[in-house]
Amino acid sequence: MKSALVIGAFLAVLPTLAVAGEKVDMAELTCKQFLADEEGILPTVVWIDGYLSHQSGNTVIDMDQLVENVKQIANDCAAEPDKKIMDLVPEDE
């Protein structure tokens, strides 16, 4: 039941970068675009976390760590707005 609520909440705040029918290539998403979409910051980081979790096989969601990751990525992005968001995340966690 909890997972259904989390998924429902996540779907309710999907990134506004992707309006109906539009596709977003996460590998091309820049820090500037990421920071411009305040409502999409957390869902974007959740997507990245899921992507990395699939790569590593880690199925645990640590919400405290996720919030810290959002802060770190936002700080890094503020310093380098033209950098691609996926270039800021570690490959192997």
C-alpha atoms as a PDB file:
ATOM      1  CA  MET A   1       0.000   0.000   0.000  1.00  0.00           C
ATOM      2  CA  LYS A   2       2.817   2.407   0.885  1.00  0.00           C
ATOM      3  CA  SER A   3       4.488   1.815  -2.463  1.00  0.00           C
ATOM      4  CA  ALA A   4       1.243   2.628  -4.287  1.00  0.00           C
ATOM      5  CA  LEU A   5       1.032   5.930  -2.412  1.00  0.00           C
ATOM      6  CA  VAL A   6       4.656   6.755  -3.210  1.00  0.00           C
ATOM      7  CA  ILE A   7       4.162   5.910  -6.881  1.00  0.00           C
ATOM      8  CA  GLY A   8       0.953   7.959  -6.986  1.00  0.00           C
ATOM      9  CA  ALA A   9       2.679  10.942  -5.377  1.00  0.00           C
ATOM     10  CA  PHE A  10       5.590  10.602  -7.773  1.00  0.00           C
ATOM     11  CA  LEU A  11       3.333  10.467 -10.814  1.00  0.00           C
ATOM     12  CA  ALA A  12       1.468  13.540  -9.594  1.00  0.00           C
ATOM     13  CA  VAL A  13       4.657  15.612  -9.747  1.00  0.00           C
ATOM     14  CA  LEU A  14       6.408  14.289 -12.828  1.00  0.00           C
ATOM     15  CA  PRO A  15       8.870  16.785 -14.256  1.00  0.00           C
ATOM     16  CA  THR A  16       7.226  19.636 -16.114  1.00  0.00           C
ATOM     17  CA  LEU A  17      10.055  19.356 -18.630  1.00  0.00           C
ATOM     18  CA  ALA A  18       8.038  16.601 -20.252  1.00  0.00           C
ATOM     19  CA  VAL A  19       4.681  17.983 -21.218  1.00  0.00           C
ATOM     20  CA  ALA A  20       2.105  15.652 -22.711  1.00  0.00           C
ATOM     21  CA  GLY A  21       3.507  13.898 -25.739  1.00  0.00           C
ATOM     22  CA  GLU A  22       7.005  15.347 -25.356  1.00  0.00           C
ATOM     23  CA  LYS A  23       9.988  13.126 -24.686  1.00  0.00           C
ATOM     24  CA  VAL A  24      12.986  14.078 -22.581  1.00  0.00           C
ATOM     25  CA  ASP A  25      16.368  12.475 -23.167  1.00  0.00           C
ATOM     26  CA  MET A  26      17.772  12.368 -19.639  1.00  0.00           C
ATOM     27  CA  ALA A  27      21.304  11.978 -21.048  1.00  0.00           C
ATOM     28  CA  GLU A  28      20.922  15.407 -22.681  1.00  0.00           C
ATOM     29  CA  LEU A  29      19.250  17.219 -19.757  1.00  0.00           C
ATOM     30  CA  THR A  30      21.421  20.161 -18.709  1.00  0.00           C
ATOM     31  CA  CYS A  31      21.791  21.578 -15.229  1.00  0.00           C
ATOM     32  CA  LYS A  32      20.178  24.797 -16.433  1.00  0.00           C
ATOM     33  CA  GLN A  33      17.062  22.894 -17.546  1.00  0.00           C
ATOM     34  CA  PHE A  34      17.079  20.833 -14.346  1.00  0.00           C
ATOM     35  CA  LEU A  35      17.241  23.887 -12.076  1.00  0.00           C
ATOM     36  CA  ALA A  36      14.639  25.801 -14.104  1.00  0.00           C
ATOM     37  CA  ASP A  37      12.034  23.126 -13.352  1.00  0.00           C
ATOM     38  CA  GLU A  38      11.596  23.399  -9.577  1.00  0.00           C
ATOM     39  CA  GLU A  39       8.673  20.968  -9.516  1.00  0.00           C
ATOM     40  CA  GLY A  40      10.682  18.427 -11.478  1.00  0.00           C
ATOM     41  CA  ILE A  41      13.871  18.421  -9.404  1.00  0.00           C
ATOM     42  CA  LEU A  42      12.903  15.677  -6.964  1.00  0.00           C
ATOM     43  CA  PRO A  43      11.223  13.438  -9.569  1.00  0.00           C
ATOM     44  CA  THR A  44      14.262  13.810 -11.824  1.00  0.00           C
ATOM     45  CA  VAL A  45      16.600  12.764  -9.020  1.00  0.00           C
ATOM     46  CA  VAL A  46      14.269   9.866  -8.188  1.00  0.00           C
ATOM     47  CA  TRP A  47      14.493   8.791 -11.845  1.00  0.00           C
ATOM     48  CA  ILE A  48      18.296   9.013 -11.712  1.00  0.00           C
ATOM     49  CA  ASP A  49      18.318   7.026  -8.463  1.00  0.00           C
ATOM     50  CA  GLY A  50      16.156   4.346 -10.086  1.00  0.00           C
ATOM     51  CA  TYR A  51      18.423   4.253 -13.121  1.00  0.00           C
ATOM     52  CA  LEU A  52      21.514   3.838 -10.953  1.00  0.00           C
ATOM     53  CA  SER A  53      19.746   1.303  -8.726  1.00  0.00           C
ATOM     54  CA  HIS A  54      18.997  -0.816 -11.766  1.00  0.00           C
ATOM     55  CA  GLN A  55      22.660  -0.626 -12.779  1.00  0.00           C
ATOM     56  CA  SER A  56      23.908  -1.629  -9.320  1.00  0.00           C
ATOM     57  CA  GLY A  57      21.112  -3.976  -8.279  1.00  0.00           C
ATOM     58  CA  ASN A  58      20.422  -1.899  -5.142  1.00  0.00           C
ATOM     59  CA  THR A  59      16.675  -1.961  -4.430  1.00  0.00           C
ATOM     60  CA  VAL A  60      16.721   0.151  -1.243  1.00  0.00           C
ATOM     61  CA  ILE A  61      15.329   3.699  -1.281  1.00  0.00           C
ATOM     62  CA  ASP A  62      16.963   5.860   1.384  1.00  0.00           C
ATOM     63  CA  MET A  63      14.887   9.058   1.436  1.00  0.00           C
ATOM     64  CA  ASP A  64      17.412  10.920   3.597  1.00  0.00           C
ATOM     65  CA  GLN A  65      20.160  10.081   1.116  1.00  0.00           C
ATOM     66  CA  LEU A  66      17.881  11.023  -1.779  1.00  0.00           C
ATOM     67  CA  VAL A  67      17.319  14.485  -0.284  1.00  0.00           C
ATOM     68  CA  GLU A  68      21.076  14.885   0.202  1.00  0.00           C
ATOM     69  CA  ASN A  69      21.612  13.839  -3.425  1.00  0.00           C
ATOM     70  CA  VAL A  70      19.117  16.493  -4.585  1.00  0.00           C
ATOM     71  CA  LYS A  71      20.983  19.152  -2.615  1.00  0.00           C
ATOM     72  CA  GLN A  72      24.373  18.030  -3.918  1.00  0.00           C
ATOM     73  CA  ILE A  73      23.253  17.878  -7.543  1.00  0.00           C
ATOM     74  CA  ALA A  74      21.555  21.294  -7.242  1.00  0.00           C
ATOM     75  CA  ASN A  75      24.753  22.800  -5.785  1.00  0.00           C
ATOM     76  CA  ASP A  76      26.902  21.222  -8.484  1.00  0.00           C
ATOM     77  CA  CYS A  77      24.482  22.383 -11.171  1.00  0.00           C
ATOM     78  CA  ALA A  78      24.482  25.952  -9.881  1.00  0.00           C
ATOM     79  CA  ALA A  79      28.255  26.000 -10.377  1.00  0.00           C
ATOM     80  CA  GLU A  80      28.108  24.464 -13.882  1.00  0.00           C
ATOM     81  CA  PRO A  81      24.728  25.215 -15.530  1.00  0.00           C
ATOM     82  CA  ASP A  82      25.752  23.929 -18.974  1.00  0.00           C
ATOM     83  CA  LYS A  83      26.872  20.537 -17.645  1.00  0.00           C
ATOM     84  CA  LYS A  84      24.661  17.542 -18.359  1.00  0.00           C
ATOM     85  CA  ILE A  85      22.884  16.253 -15.271  1.00  0.00           C
ATOM     86  CA  MET A  86      23.911  12.637 -15.889  1.00  0.00           C
ATOM     87  CA  ASP A  87      27.569  13.710 -15.874  1.00  0.00           C
ATOM     88  CA  LEU A  88      27.155  14.666 -12.209  1.00  0.00           C
ATOM     89  CA  VAL A  89      25.980  11.302 -10.940  1.00  0.00           C
ATOM     90  CA  PRO A  90      28.355   8.479 -10.064  1.00  0.00           C
ATOM     91  CA  GLU A  91      28.232   5.466 -12.379  1.00  0.00           C
ATOM     92  CA  ASP A  92      28.655   2.812  -9.704  1.00  0.00           C
ATOM     93  CA  GLU A  93      26.919   3.226  -6.375  1.00  0.00           C
END
